[in-house]
Protein backbone atom coordinates (compact mmCIF):
# COMPACT_ATOMS: atom_id res chain seq x y z
CA MET A 1 -19.87 9.23 16.49
CA HIS A 2 -19.58 9.95 12.81
CA LYS A 3 -22.25 11.87 10.97
CA ASN A 4 -20.43 11.31 7.70
CA ARG A 5 -20.25 7.62 6.89
CA PHE A 6 -18.88 5.64 3.99
CA THR A 7 -21.40 3.94 1.76
CA ARG A 8 -20.62 0.26 1.07
CA ILE A 9 -19.14 1.11 -2.34
CA GLY A 10 -17.40 4.15 -0.88
CA PHE A 11 -15.74 2.03 1.80
CA ILE A 12 -14.69 -0.67 -0.66
CA LEU A 13 -13.16 1.89 -3.02
CA ALA A 14 -11.47 3.75 -0.17
CA ALA A 15 -10.10 0.58 1.44
CA ALA A 16 -9.04 -0.76 -1.96
CA GLY A 17 -7.44 2.61 -2.66
CA SER A 18 -5.51 2.23 0.57
CA ALA A 19 -4.44 -1.32 -0.27
CA VAL A 20 -3.62 -0.73 -3.94
CA GLY A 21 -0.35 1.17 -4.02
CA LEU A 22 3.09 1.21 -5.55
CA GLY A 23 3.81 -2.28 -4.23
CA ASN A 24 1.06 -3.75 -6.43
CA ILE A 25 2.44 -2.26 -9.60
CA TRP A 26 6.21 -2.33 -9.23
CA LYS A 27 6.89 -4.99 -6.60
CA PHE A 28 4.35 -7.81 -6.91
CA PRO A 29 4.99 -8.61 -10.59
CA TYR A 30 8.75 -8.84 -10.12
CA ILE A 31 8.72 -10.94 -6.94
CA THR A 32 6.23 -13.30 -8.61
CA GLY A 33 8.54 -13.98 -11.54
CA GLU A 34 11.63 -14.25 -9.34
CA ASN A 35 10.08 -16.68 -6.85
CA GLY A 36 8.59 -19.39 -8.98
CA GLY A 37 5.73 -17.81 -10.94
CA GLY A 38 2.56 -19.83 -10.58
CA ILE A 39 3.56 -21.69 -7.43
CA PHE A 40 4.43 -18.36 -5.78
CA VAL A 41 1.05 -16.92 -6.79
CA LEU A 42 -0.69 -19.89 -5.16
CA VAL A 43 1.24 -19.41 -1.91
CA TYR A 44 0.62 -15.67 -2.05
CA LEU A 45 -3.12 -16.14 -2.61
CA ALA A 46 -3.29 -18.64 0.27
CA THR A 47 -1.51 -16.26 2.66
CA VAL A 48 -3.39 -13.15 1.53
CA PHE A 49 -6.77 -14.88 1.90
CA PHE A 50 -5.96 -16.52 5.24
CA ILE A 51 -3.48 -14.41 7.18
CA GLY A 52 -3.83 -11.06 5.41
CA MET A 53 -7.59 -11.09 5.09
CA SER A 54 -8.08 -12.41 8.63
CA ILE A 55 -6.28 -9.39 10.08
CA PHE A 56 -8.06 -7.13 7.59
CA ILE A 57 -11.44 -8.46 8.78
CA GLY A 58 -10.25 -7.97 12.36
CA GLU A 59 -9.44 -4.31 11.73
CA VAL A 60 -12.77 -3.74 9.96
CA LEU A 61 -14.56 -5.51 12.83
CA ILE A 62 -13.18 -3.42 15.70
CA GLY A 63 -13.40 -0.20 13.70
CA SER A 64 -17.07 -0.77 12.91
CA LEU A 65 -17.88 -1.76 16.51
CA GLN A 66 -16.80 1.58 17.98
CA ASN A 67 -16.89 4.22 15.22
CA LYS A 68 -14.05 6.13 16.86
CA ASP A 69 -10.35 6.82 16.34
CA ALA A 70 -8.02 3.81 16.68
CA VAL A 71 -6.83 4.60 20.22
CA SER A 72 -10.36 5.12 21.59
CA THR A 73 -11.60 2.04 19.74
CA ILE A 74 -9.09 -0.32 21.33
CA GLU A 75 -9.34 1.37 24.74
CA ASN A 76 -13.13 0.92 24.74
CA LEU A 77 -12.94 -2.72 23.61
CA ALA A 78 -10.27 -3.68 26.15
CA PRO A 79 -11.35 -5.09 29.56
CA THR A 80 -11.37 -2.60 32.43
CA ASN A 81 -8.06 -3.86 33.86
CA LYS A 82 -6.32 -3.84 30.47
CA LYS A 83 -6.90 -0.32 29.20
CA TYR A 84 -3.17 0.03 28.47
CA TRP A 85 -3.87 -1.89 25.27
CA LYS A 86 -5.06 1.44 23.90
CA TYR A 87 -1.44 2.11 22.97
CA THR A 88 -1.87 -0.45 20.20
CA GLY A 89 -3.93 2.25 18.53
CA PHE A 90 -0.84 4.42 18.26
CA THR A 91 0.33 2.20 15.40
CA PHE A 92 -1.14 5.02 13.29
CA LEU A 93 2.23 6.74 13.85
CA THR A 94 3.66 4.24 11.35
CA GLY A 95 1.86 6.34 8.76
CA ILE A 96 4.07 9.32 9.57
CA PHE A 97 7.14 7.27 8.70
CA ILE A 98 5.59 6.14 5.42
CA LEU A 99 4.51 9.67 4.57
CA THR A 100 8.15 10.77 4.76
CA PHE A 101 9.10 8.85 1.61
CA TYR A 102 5.87 7.89 -0.18
CA PRO A 103 5.03 11.42 -1.44
CA VAL A 104 8.63 11.72 -2.64
CA VAL A 105 7.95 8.82 -5.01
CA ILE A 106 4.59 10.35 -5.99
CA GLY A 107 6.59 13.44 -6.96
CA TRP A 108 8.77 11.29 -9.21
CA ILE A 109 5.62 9.93 -10.85
CA PHE A 110 4.24 13.45 -11.45
CA ASN A 111 7.54 14.36 -13.09
CA TYR A 112 7.28 11.35 -15.42
CA ILE A 113 3.70 12.19 -16.41
CA VAL A 114 5.02 15.55 -17.66
CA LEU A 115 8.06 13.84 -19.18
CA SER A 116 5.80 11.42 -21.06
CA ILE A 117 3.98 14.34 -22.65
CA ASN A 118 7.13 16.30 -23.51
CA SER A 119 10.12 14.04 -24.19
CA LEU A 120 10.63 10.42 -23.20
CA PRO A 121 14.24 9.15 -23.16
CA SER A 122 15.15 7.46 -26.46
CA ASN A 123 17.24 4.58 -25.07
CA PHE A 124 18.05 2.80 -21.81
CA LYS A 125 21.33 4.60 -21.16
CA GLU A 126 19.66 7.98 -21.65
CA SER A 127 16.78 6.85 -19.47
CA GLU A 128 19.08 5.82 -16.64
CA THR A 129 21.09 9.05 -16.87
CA LEU A 130 17.87 11.08 -16.89
CA PHE A 131 16.46 9.41 -13.77
CA MET A 132 19.72 9.44 -11.81
CA THR A 133 20.32 13.11 -12.66
CA PHE A 134 16.78 13.94 -11.57
CA LEU A 135 17.19 11.92 -8.36
CA LYS A 136 20.63 13.15 -7.35
CA ASN A 137 20.89 16.68 -8.73
CA ASP A 138 17.52 18.17 -9.68
CA ILE A 139 16.54 19.18 -6.16
CA PHE A 140 14.11 22.01 -6.97
CA THR A 141 12.06 20.00 -9.48
CA GLN A 142 11.77 17.16 -6.97
CA ILE A 143 10.68 19.53 -4.20
CA PHE A 144 8.10 21.14 -6.50
CA TYR A 145 6.41 17.83 -7.36
CA TYR A 146 6.82 16.53 -3.80
CA THR A 147 5.07 19.65 -2.49
CA LEU A 148 2.30 19.24 -5.07
CA ALA A 149 1.76 15.65 -3.91
CA PHE A 150 1.47 16.78 -0.28
CA ILE A 151 -1.01 19.52 -1.18
CA VAL A 152 -3.29 16.98 -2.89
CA ILE A 153 -3.05 14.58 0.06
CA ALA A 154 -3.58 17.17 2.79
CA TYR A 155 -6.39 19.02 1.00
CA THR A 156 -8.33 15.79 0.46
CA ILE A 157 -8.02 14.76 4.12
CA SER A 158 -9.00 18.26 5.30
CA LYS A 159 -12.36 17.92 3.51
CA GLY A 160 -13.36 14.88 5.61
CA VAL A 161 -14.74 11.42 4.86
CA LYS A 162 -17.62 12.18 2.47
CA LYS A 163 -16.41 15.33 0.73
CA GLY A 164 -12.74 14.37 0.68
CA ILE A 165 -11.71 10.72 0.98
CA GLU A 166 -14.79 9.01 -0.48
CA LYS A 167 -15.26 11.60 -3.22
CA LEU A 168 -11.65 11.31 -4.43
CA ASN A 169 -11.60 7.50 -4.25
CA ASN A 170 -14.89 7.32 -6.15
CA ILE A 171 -13.10 9.10 -8.99
CA LEU A 172 -9.56 7.74 -8.82
CA MET A 173 -10.20 4.02 -8.23
CA PRO A 174 -12.66 3.52 -11.13
CA SER A 175 -10.31 5.63 -13.29
CA LEU A 176 -7.39 3.41 -12.28
CA ILE A 177 -9.34 0.27 -13.18
CA ILE A 178 -10.40 1.74 -16.55
CA ILE A 179 -6.83 2.76 -17.40
CA LEU A 180 -5.48 -0.69 -16.48
CA ALA A 181 -8.24 -2.30 -18.57
CA ILE A 182 -7.25 -0.18 -21.61
CA LEU A 183 -3.58 -1.06 -21.13
CA LEU A 184 -4.43 -4.77 -20.71
CA ILE A 185 -6.53 -4.83 -23.89
CA TYR A 186 -3.61 -3.31 -25.78
CA THR A 187 -0.94 -5.62 -24.32
CA VAL A 188 -2.94 -8.80 -25.03
CA GLN A 189 -2.04 -8.38 -28.72
CA LEU A 190 1.69 -7.87 -28.09
CA ASP A 191 4.23 -10.59 -28.85
CA GLY A 192 5.45 -10.58 -25.26
CA PHE A 193 2.01 -11.29 -23.76
CA SER A 194 2.37 -15.10 -23.72
CA LYS A 195 5.87 -14.85 -22.23
CA ALA A 196 4.54 -12.49 -19.54
CA ILE A 197 1.84 -15.03 -18.64
CA GLU A 198 4.47 -17.76 -18.46
CA PHE A 199 6.85 -15.61 -16.38
CA MET A 200 4.17 -14.84 -13.80
CA PHE A 201 2.06 -17.99 -13.70
CA TYR A 202 4.00 -21.02 -14.94
CA PRO A 203 5.19 -22.96 -11.85
CA ASN A 204 8.98 -22.80 -11.72
CA PHE A 205 10.01 -24.97 -8.78
CA GLU A 206 13.70 -24.22 -9.30
CA LYS A 207 13.09 -20.61 -8.23
CA PHE A 208 10.75 -21.49 -5.36
CA ASN A 209 12.22 -22.14 -1.90
CA SER A 210 11.65 -21.34 1.79
CA SER A 211 12.57 -17.68 1.27
CA SER A 212 9.87 -17.48 -1.42
CA ILE A 213 7.28 -18.39 1.21
CA ILE A 214 8.54 -15.59 3.46
CA VAL A 215 8.36 -13.14 0.53
CA ALA A 216 4.78 -14.25 -0.23
CA VAL A 217 3.67 -13.89 3.41
CA GLY A 218 5.39 -10.52 3.67
CA HIS A 219 3.81 -9.04 0.57
CA ALA A 220 0.39 -10.49 1.44
CA PHE A 221 0.60 -8.67 4.77
CA PHE A 222 1.98 -5.33 3.55
CA THR A 223 -0.19 -4.99 0.47
CA LEU A 224 -3.42 -4.72 2.48
CA SER A 225 -2.41 -1.65 4.55
CA ILE A 226 -2.85 -3.56 7.80
CA GLY A 227 -0.93 -2.96 11.00
CA MET A 228 -1.08 0.85 10.98
CA ALA A 229 -4.69 1.60 11.99
CA THR A 230 -5.76 2.72 8.51
CA ILE A 231 -8.48 0.10 8.06
CA ILE A 232 -9.65 0.54 11.67
CA THR A 233 -10.04 4.26 11.00
CA TYR A 234 -11.84 3.83 7.67
CA SER A 235 -14.16 1.23 9.25
CA ALA A 236 -15.12 3.71 11.95
CA SER A 237 -17.01 5.60 9.24
CA LEU A 238 -18.61 2.47 7.79
CA ASP A 239 -22.39 2.30 7.53
CA LYS A 240 -23.88 -0.09 10.09
CA ASN A 241 -25.76 -2.27 7.60
CA VAL A 242 -22.67 -3.25 5.60
CA ASN A 243 -21.62 -6.92 5.49
CA ILE A 244 -18.06 -6.43 6.73
CA VAL A 245 -16.88 -9.91 5.67
CA LYS A 246 -18.14 -9.54 2.11
CA ALA A 247 -16.71 -6.00 1.90
CA SER A 248 -13.33 -7.27 3.15
CA ILE A 249 -13.25 -10.10 0.62
CA THR A 250 -14.11 -7.65 -2.16
CA VAL A 251 -11.24 -5.35 -1.20
CA VAL A 252 -8.75 -8.23 -1.08
CA ILE A 253 -9.89 -9.52 -4.49
CA MET A 254 -9.61 -6.04 -6.04
CA ASP A 255 -6.15 -5.56 -4.55
CA THR A 256 -4.93 -8.92 -5.86
CA LEU A 257 -6.46 -8.58 -9.34
CA ILE A 258 -4.93 -5.13 -9.84
CA ALA A 259 -1.50 -6.47 -8.89
CA ILE A 260 -1.83 -9.38 -11.31
CA VAL A 261 -3.14 -7.21 -14.18
CA ALA A 262 -0.36 -4.68 -13.61
CA GLY A 263 2.19 -7.47 -13.84
CA ILE A 264 0.76 -8.80 -17.10
CA ILE A 265 0.81 -5.30 -18.61
CA ILE A 266 4.34 -4.44 -17.52
CA PHE A 267 5.96 -7.71 -18.53
CA SER A 268 4.07 -7.94 -21.83
CA ILE A 269 5.63 -4.59 -22.76
CA ILE A 270 9.08 -5.56 -21.46
CA PHE A 271 9.23 -8.96 -23.18
CA THR A 272 7.91 -7.51 -26.44
CA ALA A 273 10.91 -5.17 -26.36
CA SER A 274 13.17 -8.20 -25.69
CA GLN A 275 14.29 -6.77 -22.35
CA GLU A 276 14.91 -8.53 -19.05
CA PRO A 277 12.68 -7.50 -16.14
CA SER A 278 14.21 -5.41 -13.39
CA LYS A 279 12.59 -4.34 -10.14
CA GLY A 280 11.35 -1.30 -8.23
CA ALA A 281 12.27 2.19 -9.31
CA GLY A 282 14.55 0.85 -12.04
CA LEU A 283 11.65 -0.96 -13.69
CA VAL A 284 9.26 1.99 -13.60
CA PHE A 285 11.53 4.98 -14.13
CA ILE A 286 14.34 3.59 -16.30
CA THR A 287 13.28 0.48 -18.23
CA LEU A 288 9.68 1.33 -19.13
CA PRO A 289 10.15 4.99 -20.28
CA ALA A 290 12.75 3.92 -22.87
CA ILE A 291 10.50 1.10 -24.11
CA PHE A 292 7.55 3.48 -24.39
CA TYR A 293 9.66 5.81 -26.55
CA GLN A 294 10.67 2.95 -28.85
CA MET A 295 7.00 2.10 -29.38
CA GLY A 296 6.44 5.41 -31.20
CA THR A 297 3.30 7.53 -30.88
CA ILE A 298 1.26 4.79 -29.19
CA GLY A 299 4.05 4.51 -26.62
CA ILE A 300 3.58 8.12 -25.59
CA TYR A 301 -0.11 7.54 -24.88
CA LEU A 302 0.67 4.30 -23.05
CA ALA A 303 3.30 6.09 -20.93
CA ILE A 304 0.88 8.86 -19.98
CA LEU A 305 -1.83 6.35 -19.04
CA PHE A 306 0.62 4.17 -17.12
CA PHE A 307 2.07 6.97 -14.99
CA ILE A 308 -1.38 8.45 -14.34
CA ALA A 309 -2.54 5.02 -13.13
CA LEU A 310 0.54 4.77 -10.93
CA ALA A 311 -0.14 8.24 -9.52
CA PHE A 312 -3.77 7.37 -8.74
CA ALA A 313 -2.73 4.18 -6.91
CA ALA A 314 -0.10 6.03 -4.89
CA ILE A 315 -2.28 9.03 -3.97
CA THR A 316 -5.17 6.91 -2.66
CA SER A 317 -2.72 4.96 -0.48
CA ALA A 318 -1.03 8.10 0.84
CA ILE A 319 -4.39 9.65 1.79
CA SER A 320 -5.34 6.59 3.81
CA ILE A 321 -2.02 6.72 5.67
CA LEU A 322 -2.63 10.27 6.93
CA GLU A 323 -6.27 9.88 8.03
CA PRO A 324 -5.73 7.79 11.24
CA THR A 325 -3.47 10.43 12.86
CA VAL A 326 -5.82 13.24 11.85
CA MET A 327 -8.84 11.40 13.21
CA TYR A 328 -7.03 10.84 16.53
CA LEU A 329 -6.28 14.55 16.89
CA VAL A 330 -9.85 15.49 15.95
CA GLU A 331 -11.51 13.07 18.38
CA ARG A 332 -9.08 12.85 21.29
CA LYS A 333 -7.61 16.36 21.23
CA ASN A 334 -10.68 18.20 19.87
CA MET A 335 -8.67 19.84 17.10
CA PRO A 336 -10.54 21.21 14.06
CA ARG A 337 -10.01 18.83 11.13
CA LYS A 338 -8.15 21.38 9.02
CA ASN A 339 -5.80 22.27 11.86
CA ALA A 340 -5.14 18.60 12.60
CA THR A 341 -4.55 17.80 8.93
CA TYR A 342 -2.13 20.59 8.20
CA SER A 343 -0.25 20.14 11.50
CA VAL A 344 0.46 16.47 10.81
CA ALA A 345 1.11 17.14 7.13
CA PHE A 346 3.66 19.82 8.00
CA ILE A 347 5.62 17.45 10.28
CA ALA A 348 5.60 14.67 7.67
CA TYR A 349 6.45 17.18 4.94
CA ALA A 350 9.50 18.47 6.85
CA LEU A 351 10.79 14.96 7.52
CA GLY A 352 10.05 14.03 3.92
CA LEU A 353 12.18 16.90 2.68
CA LEU A 354 15.11 15.37 4.56
CA ALA A 355 14.31 11.97 3.01
CA LEU A 356 14.20 13.58 -0.44
CA LEU A 357 17.51 15.40 0.10
CA SER A 358 19.18 12.24 1.40
CA ASN A 359 19.06 10.85 -2.16
CA THR A 360 20.88 13.86 -3.61
CA ASP A 361 24.64 14.26 -4.11
CA SER A 362 24.65 17.54 -2.21
CA PHE A 363 23.17 16.20 1.04
CA SER A 364 23.52 12.40 0.98
CA THR A 365 26.70 12.32 3.10
CA ASN A 366 25.13 14.28 5.95
CA LEU A 367 21.82 12.41 5.75
CA THR A 368 23.19 8.87 5.70
CA LEU A 369 23.39 6.73 8.83
CA GLY A 370 25.34 3.51 8.52
CA SER A 371 24.45 1.67 5.33
CA LYS A 372 21.22 3.58 4.62
CA ASN A 373 20.24 7.15 3.89
CA LEU A 374 17.16 8.65 5.57
CA PHE A 375 14.88 7.73 2.67
CA ASP A 376 15.85 4.05 3.01
CA TRP A 377 15.75 4.16 6.82
CA PHE A 378 12.17 5.50 6.87
CA ASP A 379 11.16 2.78 4.41
CA PHE A 380 12.93 0.05 6.41
CA ILE A 381 11.63 1.11 9.84
CA SER A 382 8.02 1.32 8.66
CA SER A 383 7.88 -1.88 6.59
CA ALA A 384 10.25 -4.18 8.50
CA ILE A 385 9.53 -3.15 12.10
CA LEU A 386 6.50 -0.93 12.77
CA MET A 387 3.92 -2.56 10.48
CA PRO A 388 4.70 -6.10 11.66
CA ILE A 389 4.56 -5.00 15.31
CA GLY A 390 1.18 -3.36 14.61
CA GLY A 391 -0.12 -6.55 13.03
CA ILE A 392 1.10 -8.76 15.87
CA LEU A 393 -0.38 -6.52 18.58
CA LEU A 394 -3.72 -6.33 16.78
CA ALA A 395 -3.91 -10.11 16.29
CA ILE A 396 -3.12 -10.71 19.98
CA PHE A 397 -5.63 -8.07 21.10
CA ILE A 398 -8.47 -9.53 19.02
CA GLY A 399 -7.48 -13.14 19.67
CA TYR A 400 -6.88 -12.96 23.43
CA ILE A 401 -7.83 -9.63 25.02
CA MET A 402 -11.11 -8.50 23.46
CA ASP A 403 -14.36 -10.11 24.58
CA LYS A 404 -14.97 -13.03 22.16
CA LYS A 405 -18.72 -12.47 22.33
CA LEU A 406 -18.28 -9.17 20.51
CA SER A 407 -16.42 -10.71 17.58
CA LYS A 408 -18.63 -13.79 17.51
CA ASN A 409 -21.88 -11.82 17.48
CA ALA A 410 -20.57 -9.51 14.76
CA LEU A 411 -19.00 -12.10 12.45
CA VAL A 412 -20.96 -15.37 12.76
CA PRO A 413 -24.02 -13.93 10.91
CA PHE A 414 -21.73 -13.16 7.97
CA MET A 415 -19.35 -16.14 7.94
CA GLY A 416 -20.97 -18.92 9.99
CA GLU A 417 -19.76 -20.71 13.11
CA THR A 418 -17.16 -22.93 11.43
CA TYR A 419 -15.42 -20.17 9.50
CA TYR A 420 -15.49 -17.96 12.60
CA LYS A 421 -13.58 -20.62 14.56
CA ILE A 422 -11.02 -20.87 11.74
CA TRP A 423 -10.70 -17.06 11.66
CA LEU A 424 -10.19 -16.90 15.43
CA PHE A 425 -7.56 -19.66 15.29
CA ILE A 426 -5.66 -17.71 12.62
CA MET A 427 -5.84 -14.52 14.68
CA ARG A 428 -4.63 -16.27 17.86
CA PHE A 429 -1.87 -18.49 16.49
CA VAL A 430 -1.12 -18.36 12.75
CA ALA A 431 -1.05 -14.58 12.20
CA PRO A 432 1.11 -13.44 15.15
CA ILE A 433 3.64 -16.27 14.77
CA SER A 434 4.01 -15.91 11.00
CA ILE A 435 4.31 -12.10 11.19
CA PHE A 436 6.89 -12.38 14.00
CA ILE A 437 8.99 -14.77 11.90
CA LEU A 438 8.60 -12.41 8.95
CA MET A 439 9.81 -9.46 11.04
CA LEU A 440 12.86 -11.36 12.28
CA ASN A 441 13.69 -12.25 8.68
CA GLU A 442 13.24 -8.65 7.48
CA ILE A 443 15.56 -7.18 10.11
CA GLY A 444 18.15 -9.90 9.56
CA ILE A 445 17.98 -11.78 12.89
CA ILE A 446 17.09 -14.97 11.02
CA LYS A 447 17.39 -15.74 7.33
CA PHE A 448 15.57 -18.24 5.18
């Protein structure tokens, strides 16, 4: 049992910190504009509030019922003759795969915070050359910032729930929201603001098709950090008197609003500069730095704020990814928290170094398998295979294996009988089928 528990606000900020990550800021805005704007947002909201939130509530439910690590939680909730379901708890190993490449990107962000203070690139060609040179040739600078990112992540986890995770999230998440609010207030007055609103929210049925639905379902699932035992683990430290349904809804709303606000900010800046939106790393590390430079002195301040916000979002997500494995080692293997933290961190750090080097000219040939280097393989395996499998197994466990009286007694007081039946139907049929189809699409077995 946990002596150190999250407060309600602490849990919401920690869970939101886990959910709000790089995908909110550099993926959601772009896929919204490219898949039909407003109609895509409607589909996304429907899937995130039905499928995504249903699984999220399921993870919070079983975590709060047992207050143990993910493996012990599922083992204890499984019927006597089905204890093998405990292996579902080992979906926390997905976090190790994510931790091999996520801190690498955090290192890039740290580098661009310093770059924003010192010397932003003056044009797009210079910006592209700067980023590609950094990525492919500047190995020691990358390793320095990558190591710094890991130190922050590991140190926070080593301090525990109250002194580490909750304390950091109580600082970083409000700071992230304040920074985004400042950036939003500034971008509202830009010429590109109205075009950004149109790009993201005006229904464009020509761009919307069956693949857009798959994209919406996929992002709704991945953005909430479900399928890798993170939310189960956080919920194990949740105070008993917390309304888990209301807390879950709050987290989902925060996650969605931050993604939407980030999109408005980014595209207001891009359209004001008369540039076309790109995606991913190109958007954040090539397009935006050059635009910030062209905005003069105010652009420097905006760049610093933007990359700090990005760093905060990424760090809170990375911390949540490490905690489930550490908690397992602490509770099941009786390891001291610091030993568990630094042991797991060292393994992820070593693999991450290989992922980092696989992007460089010097090592890419030896660290490339087939069409992908190690960095891309770790990303693909975690997002396209392991997370969906985790989500499917969890939905089946809650929907079919676990005693329904447990979920009914825990949830009906918060959501009522009717909504409970809808939630259970989603967990038993809608969630596993839709996630399975999504996984098949992601790995290329079927295409929409």
